[in-house]
Protein backbone atom coordinates (compact mmCIF):
# COMPACT_ATOMS: atom_id res chain seq x y z
CA UNK A 1 0.00 0.00 0.00
CA UNK A 2 1.17 3.51 -0.81
CA UNK A 3 2.39 5.56 2.17
CA UNK A 4 0.94 9.05 2.50
CA UNK A 5 3.75 11.54 2.92
CA UNK A 6 3.94 13.54 6.14
CA UNK A 7 1.07 11.95 8.07
CA UNK A 8 2.19 8.83 9.91
CA UNK A 9 -0.26 6.44 11.52
CA UNK A 10 1.79 5.06 14.43
CA UNK A 11 0.57 1.60 13.44
CA UNK A 12 -3.11 2.47 13.76
CA UNK A 13 -5.95 4.09 11.86
CA UNK A 14 -5.84 7.88 12.03
CA UNK A 15 -8.72 10.01 13.31
CA UNK A 16 -9.81 13.09 11.38
CA UNK A 17 -12.03 15.49 13.32
CA UNK A 18 -14.56 17.68 11.51
CA UNK A 19 -14.85 21.46 11.79
CA UNK A 20 -17.72 22.73 9.63
CA UNK A 21 -17.37 26.50 9.25
CA UNK A 22 -20.87 26.63 7.78
CA UNK A 23 -24.41 27.61 8.82
CA UNK A 24 -26.02 24.62 7.10
CA UNK A 25 -24.02 21.40 7.46
CA UNK A 26 -26.26 18.40 8.04
CA UNK A 27 -25.30 17.54 11.63
CA UNK A 28 -23.78 20.62 13.25
CA UNK A 29 -24.41 23.56 10.92
CA UNK A 30 -23.90 26.87 12.66
CA UNK A 31 -22.17 25.57 15.79
CA UNK A 32 -18.70 26.50 14.55
CA UNK A 33 -19.59 29.19 12.01
CA UNK A 34 -17.87 31.89 14.07
CA UNK A 35 -14.11 31.92 13.44
CA UNK A 36 -13.16 31.89 17.12
CA UNK A 37 -15.59 29.07 17.88
CA UNK A 38 -14.24 27.05 14.94
CA UNK A 39 -10.64 27.46 16.09
CA UNK A 40 -11.48 26.52 19.66
CA UNK A 41 -13.41 23.48 18.48
CA UNK A 42 -10.47 22.39 16.33
CA UNK A 43 -8.14 22.63 19.33
CA UNK A 44 -10.63 20.65 21.42
CA UNK A 45 -10.69 17.92 18.78
CA UNK A 46 -6.90 17.65 18.95
CA UNK A 47 -7.04 17.40 22.74
CA UNK A 48 -9.62 14.63 22.31
CA UNK A 49 -7.25 12.68 20.08
CA UNK A 50 -7.68 13.93 16.50
CA UNK A 51 -4.62 13.39 14.31
CA UNK A 52 -6.00 15.70 11.61
CA UNK A 53 -8.60 18.49 11.75
CA UNK A 54 -10.68 18.81 8.58
CA UNK A 55 -11.88 22.37 7.98
CA UNK A 56 -14.68 22.93 5.47
CA UNK A 57 -16.56 26.04 4.42
CA UNK A 58 -19.18 24.53 2.10
CA UNK A 59 -21.84 22.05 3.11
CA UNK A 60 -22.09 18.90 0.99
CA UNK A 61 -25.29 17.64 2.61
CA UNK A 62 -27.90 16.35 0.14
CA UNK A 63 -29.66 19.27 -1.51
CA UNK A 64 -27.17 21.90 -0.35
CA UNK A 65 -26.57 24.93 -2.57
CA UNK A 66 -23.01 25.99 -3.34
CA UNK A 67 -21.44 29.07 -1.75
CA UNK A 68 -19.32 31.58 -3.65
CA UNK A 69 -15.56 31.24 -3.90
CA UNK A 70 -15.11 34.44 -1.90
CA UNK A 71 -17.37 33.24 0.90
CA UNK A 72 -15.66 29.86 1.13
CA UNK A 73 -12.22 31.49 1.31
CA UNK A 74 -13.40 33.91 4.01
CA UNK A 75 -14.74 31.03 6.07
CA UNK A 76 -11.83 28.60 5.98
CA UNK A 77 -8.53 30.44 5.50
CA UNK A 78 -8.46 32.31 8.86
CA UNK A 79 -9.41 29.12 10.73
CA UNK A 80 -6.76 27.07 8.94
CA UNK A 81 -4.10 29.72 9.56
CA UNK A 82 -4.94 29.90 13.27
CA UNK A 83 -5.02 26.13 13.80
CA UNK A 84 -1.84 25.57 11.79
CA UNK A 85 -0.18 28.26 13.89
CA UNK A 86 -0.97 26.11 16.93
CA UNK A 87 0.77 23.13 15.36
CA UNK A 88 -2.39 21.33 14.29
CA UNK A 89 -2.28 19.08 11.22
CA UNK A 90 -5.10 20.63 9.19
CA UNK A 91 -6.85 19.39 6.08
CA UNK A 92 -9.12 21.51 3.92
CA UNK A 93 -12.43 20.08 2.74
CA UNK A 94 -13.01 21.78 -0.61
CA UNK A 95 -13.87 21.14 -4.24
CA UNK A 96 -12.22 24.35 -5.48
CA UNK A 97 -8.60 24.55 -6.62
CA UNK A 98 -8.29 28.19 -5.55
CA UNK A 99 -9.45 27.36 -2.04
CA UNK A 100 -7.07 24.40 -1.87
CA UNK A 101 -4.13 26.59 -2.92
CA UNK A 102 -4.97 29.32 -0.40
CA UNK A 103 -5.51 26.73 2.33
CA UNK A 104 -2.12 25.10 1.78
CA UNK A 105 -0.50 28.53 1.78
CA UNK A 106 -2.25 29.13 5.13
CA UNK A 107 -0.81 25.88 6.52
CA UNK A 108 -3.12 23.03 5.46
CA UNK A 109 -1.28 19.74 5.08
CA UNK A 110 -3.90 17.75 3.16
CA UNK A 111 -6.58 18.51 0.55
CA UNK A 112 -9.84 16.60 0.98
CA UNK A 113 -11.79 16.89 -2.27
CA UNK A 114 -15.18 15.17 -2.16
CA UNK A 115 -15.44 15.47 -5.94
CA UNK A 116 -12.12 13.76 -6.64
CA UNK A 117 -11.19 16.56 -9.02
CA UNK A 118 -14.39 16.40 -11.04
CA UNK A 119 -15.91 19.65 -9.73
CA UNK A 120 -12.82 21.70 -10.61
CA UNK A 121 -10.52 20.26 -13.30
CA UNK A 122 -7.68 22.49 -12.06
CA UNK A 123 -7.62 20.77 -8.66
CA UNK A 124 -5.23 17.89 -9.45
CA UNK A 125 -2.64 20.24 -10.96
CA UNK A 126 -2.84 22.57 -7.97
CA UNK A 127 -2.49 19.69 -5.52
CA UNK A 128 0.39 18.26 -7.52
CA UNK A 129 2.20 21.59 -7.23
CA UNK A 130 1.69 21.74 -3.46
CA UNK A 131 2.91 18.20 -2.84
CA UNK A 132 0.42 17.62 0.00
CA UNK A 133 -1.67 14.45 0.33
CA UNK A 134 -4.85 14.45 -1.74
CA UNK A 135 -8.09 12.66 -0.80
CA UNK A 136 -9.83 11.56 -3.99
CA UNK A 137 -13.44 10.67 -3.18
CA UNK A 138 -15.91 8.69 -5.26
CA UNK A 139 -18.39 11.26 -6.55
CA UNK A 140 -21.05 11.38 -9.24
CA UNK A 141 -22.39 14.91 -8.93
CA UNK A 142 -23.19 17.88 -6.72
CA UNK A 143 -25.43 17.67 -3.66
CA UNK A 144 -28.54 19.00 -5.39
CA UNK A 145 -28.88 15.92 -7.59
CA UNK A 146 -26.57 13.23 -6.19
CA UNK A 147 -29.42 11.05 -4.90
CA UNK A 148 -30.69 10.57 -8.45
CA UNK A 149 -27.30 9.15 -9.39
CA UNK A 150 -27.43 6.32 -6.82
CA UNK A 151 -27.93 3.61 -9.44
CA UNK A 152 -25.60 0.59 -9.45
CA UNK A 153 -25.53 -3.00 -10.64
CA UNK A 154 -22.60 -3.93 -8.34
CA UNK A 155 -21.77 -0.94 -6.15
CA UNK A 156 -18.38 -2.10 -4.85
CA UNK A 157 -17.14 -3.07 -8.29
CA UNK A 158 -18.38 0.18 -9.84
CA UNK A 159 -17.00 2.38 -7.06
CA UNK A 160 -13.67 0.62 -7.36
CA UNK A 161 -13.59 1.04 -11.15
CA UNK A 162 -14.59 4.70 -10.99
CA UNK A 163 -11.98 5.45 -8.32
CA UNK A 164 -9.33 3.69 -10.40
CA UNK A 165 -10.20 5.95 -13.34
CA UNK A 166 -9.93 9.05 -11.14
CA UNK A 167 -6.53 7.88 -9.91
CA UNK A 168 -5.29 7.48 -13.48
CA UNK A 169 -6.47 10.98 -14.34
CA UNK A 170 -4.96 12.72 -11.30
CA UNK A 171 -1.68 10.88 -11.82
CA UNK A 172 -1.68 12.14 -15.40
CA UNK A 173 -2.00 15.68 -14.01
CA UNK A 174 1.15 15.29 -11.92
CA UNK A 175 -0.16 14.02 -8.56
CA UNK A 176 2.18 11.33 -7.22
CA UNK A 177 1.10 7.95 -5.93
CA UNK A 178 2.45 8.89 -2.50
CA UNK A 179 -0.01 11.79 -2.29
CA UNK A 180 -3.16 9.79 -3.00
CA UNK A 181 -5.77 8.76 -0.44
CA UNK A 182 -9.07 7.25 -1.61
CA UNK A 183 -12.51 7.77 -0.08
CA UNK A 184 -15.42 5.58 -1.31
CA UNK A 185 -17.88 8.38 -0.56
CA UNK A 186 -20.42 6.86 1.82
CA UNK A 187 -23.78 8.53 1.28
CA UNK A 188 -22.68 10.40 -1.83
CA UNK A 189 -24.81 9.10 -4.70
CA UNK A 190 -25.37 6.02 -2.54
CA UNK A 191 -28.41 4.87 -0.63
CA UNK A 192 -28.20 3.00 2.68
CA UNK A 193 -27.85 -0.41 1.04
CA UNK A 194 -25.04 0.90 -1.16
CA UNK A 195 -23.19 2.42 1.79
CA UNK A 196 -23.29 -0.81 3.80
CA UNK A 197 -22.03 -2.76 0.79
CA UNK A 198 -19.16 -0.30 0.36
CA UNK A 199 -18.16 -0.69 4.02
CA UNK A 200 -18.20 -4.46 3.69
CA UNK A 201 -16.10 -4.01 0.55
CA UNK A 202 -13.23 -2.12 2.21
CA UNK A 203 -10.79 -5.02 1.64
CA UNK A 204 -11.61 -5.03 -2.08
CA UNK A 205 -11.22 -1.26 -2.32
CA UNK A 206 -7.89 -1.49 -0.49
CA UNK A 207 -6.63 -3.72 -3.29
CA UNK A 208 -6.30 -0.56 -5.39
CA UNK A 209 -3.15 0.04 -3.33
CA UNK A 210 -3.94 3.39 -1.72
CA UNK A 211 -4.83 4.40 1.86
CA UNK A 212 -8.57 4.61 2.50
CA UNK A 213 -10.42 7.39 4.31
CA UNK A 214 -13.84 6.35 5.66
CA UNK A 215 -16.43 9.01 6.48
CA UNK A 216 -19.45 7.33 8.08
CA UNK A 217 -20.01 9.73 10.98
CA UNK A 218 -23.64 10.77 11.42
CA UNK A 219 -24.53 9.77 7.88
CA UNK A 220 -28.15 9.14 6.87
CA UNK A 221 -27.69 5.40 6.48
CA UNK A 222 -26.92 5.12 10.20
CA UNK A 223 -30.01 7.11 11.17
CA UNK A 224 -32.16 4.89 8.99
CA UNK A 225 -30.69 1.71 10.46
CA UNK A 226 -31.53 3.00 13.95
CA UNK A 227 -34.98 4.30 13.04
CA UNK A 228 -37.83 4.34 15.55
CA UNK A 229 -40.60 1.72 15.23
CA UNK A 230 -42.66 4.19 13.19
CA UNK A 231 -39.78 4.55 10.71
CA UNK A 232 -38.57 7.96 11.85
CA UNK A 233 -34.79 8.07 11.35
CA UNK A 234 -32.70 8.63 14.44
CA UNK A 235 -31.39 12.22 14.64
CA UNK A 236 -27.85 12.74 13.36
CA UNK A 237 -26.44 13.63 16.76
CA UNK A 238 -27.78 10.38 18.26
CA UNK A 239 -25.96 8.10 15.83
CA UNK A 240 -22.52 8.63 17.38
CA UNK A 241 -22.55 5.23 19.09
CA UNK A 242 -23.23 3.55 15.75
CA UNK A 243 -20.41 5.61 14.25
CA UNK A 244 -18.09 4.11 16.89
CA UNK A 245 -18.99 0.62 15.73
CA UNK A 246 -18.26 1.52 12.12
CA UNK A 247 -14.97 3.13 13.13
CA UNK A 248 -13.78 0.02 14.96
CA UNK A 249 -14.83 -2.27 12.11
CA UNK A 250 -13.34 -0.01 9.42
CA UNK A 251 -10.05 0.24 11.31
CA UNK A 252 -9.99 -3.53 11.71
CA UNK A 253 -10.67 -3.90 7.97
CA UNK A 254 -7.65 -1.74 7.13
CA UNK A 255 -8.88 1.87 6.83
CA UNK A 256 -6.08 4.45 6.97
CA UNK A 257 -8.25 7.13 8.57
CA UNK A 258 -11.80 7.74 9.79
CA UNK A 259 -13.49 11.14 9.52
CA UNK A 260 -15.70 11.79 12.55
CA UNK A 261 -17.54 14.49 14.47
CA UNK A 262 -17.16 13.07 18.00
CA UNK A 263 -13.42 12.48 18.25
CA UNK A 264 -12.74 11.18 21.77
CA UNK A 265 -14.66 7.87 21.67
CA UNK A 266 -13.56 7.23 18.07
CA UNK A 267 -9.93 7.77 19.03
CA UNK A 268 -10.46 5.09 21.69
CA UNK A 269 -12.09 2.79 19.12
CA UNK A 270 -9.15 2.90 16.68
CA UNK A 271 -6.74 2.12 19.53
CA UNK A 272 -8.85 -0.88 20.48
CA UNK A 273 -8.83 -2.05 16.87
CA UNK A 274 -5.05 -1.61 16.69
CA UNK A 275 -4.51 -3.62 19.87
CA UNK A 276 -6.76 -6.38 18.52
CA UNK A 277 -4.82 -6.52 15.25
CA UNK A 278 -1.49 -6.63 17.10
CA UNK A 279 -2.75 -9.53 19.19
CA UNK A 280 -3.69 -11.43 16.03
CA UNK A 281 -0.23 -11.07 14.48
């Protein structure tokens, strides 16, 4: 498996904590919209055990409208600069090459692109020039219509094939193999059944030879699994225990990193999974 430059794992799955500098993210929109609150939350996530803090200024929840480039820059760059100044390993969650470039200049050490370079064709070239790790996610379209694209014959095979094509394209743009991390995109153009199949398919996806980032935290498929007897999905904030189970299982299956909202318990879960794997060897 390729080794991501500059972000070691200490023999265990990494934990990426989420800081949404947005008013409308699906699980915590508005809580960290203020710059000071976002910075403080990022520092709290590190104290709770986050290896990476993922800062995003544009919601990718289903149906979300895009924000302007100027607004996204204003939201994320000051937060990234402040956290980086405190020694935090920061990633930027963006689909825009200009935001990625500004974020790296402000201190970001990883670019997390949920579109895998499809939303902005300039992204792979910009990331290649920065040399930072690049998360290439499986993506079929923007939030406003992604649910209509959740059509598969064999979801794991198709996700794997589509990710392999994205890898070939970003490599052709100058991104190195050592920079690449893959994310199968749970919930993005995938219904609950698709997302569970993708999780079960982590070993097959890992055969592509790149580290895997898994983002299951508070996703809709967990809320639907835990629905009330009348079918009402469990609220996002009450699916953190289920997220812990996915984190432990994903780490055991070989995930490089998990992206989560509630860091402390998930940091414990990856350490448990690492101890279990060591005991097996």
